[in-house]
């Protein structure tokens, strides 16, 4: 099963961020580069729509181990409501 857009997953490494994912560290991104993810989360976690930016959640420090990291998917299946 492919990940869903907006899915947050814990990875057991911190040496790189897998393709199709963004690290959940509160970073700002241009929404035009990640339109499906922006369509789901908008500016809930920060950013400025007038400046074309949005933020991913900041889960830094929430990891159960310092050698792990949370990432949010910007590609994959679109979540469908039941």
C-alpha atoms as a PDB file:
ATOM      1  CA  UNK A   1       0.000   0.000   0.000  1.00  0.00           C
ATOM      2  CA  UNK A   2       1.345   3.386  -0.998  1.00  0.00           C
ATOM      3  CA  UNK A   3       1.379   6.153   1.581  1.00  0.00           C
ATOM      4  CA  UNK A   4      -1.376   8.741   1.597  1.00  0.00           C
ATOM      5  CA  UNK A   5      -0.788  12.443   1.036  1.00  0.00           C
ATOM      6  CA  UNK A   6      -0.512  14.028   4.488  1.00  0.00           C
ATOM      7  CA  UNK A   7       0.358  10.771   6.245  1.00  0.00           C
ATOM      8  CA  UNK A   8       2.867  11.204   9.062  1.00  0.00           C
ATOM      9  CA  UNK A   9       5.265   8.323   9.600  1.00  0.00           C
ATOM     10  CA  UNK A  10       8.099   7.649  12.027  1.00  0.00           C
ATOM     11  CA  UNK A  11      11.360   6.579  10.361  1.00  0.00           C
ATOM     12  CA  UNK A  12      14.115   4.700  12.183  1.00  0.00           C
ATOM     13  CA  UNK A  13      16.924   6.855  10.783  1.00  0.00           C
ATOM     14  CA  UNK A  14      17.866  10.532  10.506  1.00  0.00           C
ATOM     15  CA  UNK A  15      20.585  10.420   7.845  1.00  0.00           C
ATOM     16  CA  UNK A  16      18.223  11.363   4.979  1.00  0.00           C
ATOM     17  CA  UNK A  17      14.574  12.139   4.233  1.00  0.00           C
ATOM     18  CA  UNK A  18      13.004   9.572   1.877  1.00  0.00           C
ATOM     19  CA  UNK A  19      11.776  10.691  -1.544  1.00  0.00           C
ATOM     20  CA  UNK A  20       8.160  11.861  -1.388  1.00  0.00           C
ATOM     21  CA  UNK A  21       8.430  12.936   2.266  1.00  0.00           C
ATOM     22  CA  UNK A  22       9.271  16.140   4.171  1.00  0.00           C
ATOM     23  CA  UNK A  23      10.741  16.187   7.662  1.00  0.00           C
ATOM     24  CA  UNK A  24       8.235  17.320  10.310  1.00  0.00           C
ATOM     25  CA  UNK A  25      10.405  20.128  11.655  1.00  0.00           C
ATOM     26  CA  UNK A  26       8.175  23.168  11.127  1.00  0.00           C
ATOM     27  CA  UNK A  27       9.952  24.229   7.921  1.00  0.00           C
ATOM     28  CA  UNK A  28       8.286  26.586   5.445  1.00  0.00           C
ATOM     29  CA  UNK A  29       7.750  25.527   1.835  1.00  0.00           C
ATOM     30  CA  UNK A  30       6.317  27.113  -1.289  1.00  0.00           C
ATOM     31  CA  UNK A  31       2.815  25.676  -1.641  1.00  0.00           C
ATOM     32  CA  UNK A  32       3.119  25.573  -5.427  1.00  0.00           C
ATOM     33  CA  UNK A  33       5.851  22.932  -5.079  1.00  0.00           C
ATOM     34  CA  UNK A  34       3.685  20.705  -2.857  1.00  0.00           C
ATOM     35  CA  UNK A  35       0.109  21.458  -3.989  1.00  0.00           C
ATOM     36  CA  UNK A  36      -1.550  18.168  -2.875  1.00  0.00           C
ATOM     37  CA  UNK A  37      -0.153  18.462   0.659  1.00  0.00           C
ATOM     38  CA  UNK A  38      -1.049  22.155   0.849  1.00  0.00           C
ATOM     39  CA  UNK A  39      -4.600  21.332  -0.283  1.00  0.00           C
ATOM     40  CA  UNK A  40      -4.947  19.112   2.799  1.00  0.00           C
ATOM     41  CA  UNK A  41      -3.205  21.088   5.540  1.00  0.00           C
ATOM     42  CA  UNK A  42      -3.205  24.660   4.227  1.00  0.00           C
ATOM     43  CA  UNK A  43      -1.684  27.068   6.740  1.00  0.00           C
ATOM     44  CA  UNK A  44      -2.743  25.149   9.876  1.00  0.00           C
ATOM     45  CA  UNK A  45       0.897  24.803  10.997  1.00  0.00           C
ATOM     46  CA  UNK A  46       2.084  28.216   9.808  1.00  0.00           C
ATOM     47  CA  UNK A  47       3.165  30.007   6.696  1.00  0.00           C
ATOM     48  CA  UNK A  48       1.445  32.797   4.820  1.00  0.00           C
ATOM     49  CA  UNK A  49      -0.955  32.273   1.924  1.00  0.00           C
ATOM     50  CA  UNK A  50      -0.177  35.766   0.540  1.00  0.00           C
ATOM     51  CA  UNK A  51       3.519  34.806   0.398  1.00  0.00           C
ATOM     52  CA  UNK A  52       2.704  31.368  -1.085  1.00  0.00           C
ATOM     53  CA  UNK A  53       4.170  29.525   1.909  1.00  0.00           C
ATOM     54  CA  UNK A  54       2.957  26.863   4.297  1.00  0.00           C
ATOM     55  CA  UNK A  55       4.609  25.010   7.170  1.00  0.00           C
ATOM     56  CA  UNK A  56       4.746  21.335   7.983  1.00  0.00           C
ATOM     57  CA  UNK A  57       4.081  20.239  11.577  1.00  0.00           C
ATOM     58  CA  UNK A  58       6.992  20.552  13.995  1.00  0.00           C
ATOM     59  CA  UNK A  59       7.353  17.190  15.729  1.00  0.00           C
ATOM     60  CA  UNK A  60      10.992  17.765  16.654  1.00  0.00           C
ATOM     61  CA  UNK A  61      11.612  16.247  20.074  1.00  0.00           C
ATOM     62  CA  UNK A  62       8.491  14.063  19.952  1.00  0.00           C
ATOM     63  CA  UNK A  63      10.417  11.084  18.596  1.00  0.00           C
ATOM     64  CA  UNK A  64      10.722   8.105  20.987  1.00  0.00           C
ATOM     65  CA  UNK A  65      14.453   7.901  20.160  1.00  0.00           C
ATOM     66  CA  UNK A  66      16.903  10.602  18.979  1.00  0.00           C
ATOM     67  CA  UNK A  67      17.890   8.391  16.024  1.00  0.00           C
ATOM     68  CA  UNK A  68      14.354   8.541  14.604  1.00  0.00           C
ATOM     69  CA  UNK A  69      12.364  11.258  12.816  1.00  0.00           C
ATOM     70  CA  UNK A  70       8.800  12.038  11.805  1.00  0.00           C
ATOM     71  CA  UNK A  71       8.074  12.877   8.164  1.00  0.00           C
ATOM     72  CA  UNK A  72       4.919  13.895   6.292  1.00  0.00           C
ATOM     73  CA  UNK A  73       4.117  12.553   2.827  1.00  0.00           C
ATOM     74  CA  UNK A  74       3.546  14.932  -0.066  1.00  0.00           C
ATOM     75  CA  UNK A  75       2.911  12.155  -2.609  1.00  0.00           C
ATOM     76  CA  UNK A  76       0.779   9.035  -2.669  1.00  0.00           C
ATOM     77  CA  UNK A  77      -2.892   8.194  -2.570  1.00  0.00           C
ATOM     78  CA  UNK A  78      -5.425  10.932  -1.937  1.00  0.00           C
ATOM     79  CA  UNK A  79      -7.383  10.330   1.287  1.00  0.00           C
ATOM     80  CA  UNK A  80     -11.048   9.635   0.548  1.00  0.00           C
ATOM     81  CA  UNK A  81     -13.778  10.199   3.115  1.00  0.00           C
ATOM     82  CA  UNK A  82     -15.998   7.187   3.794  1.00  0.00           C
END
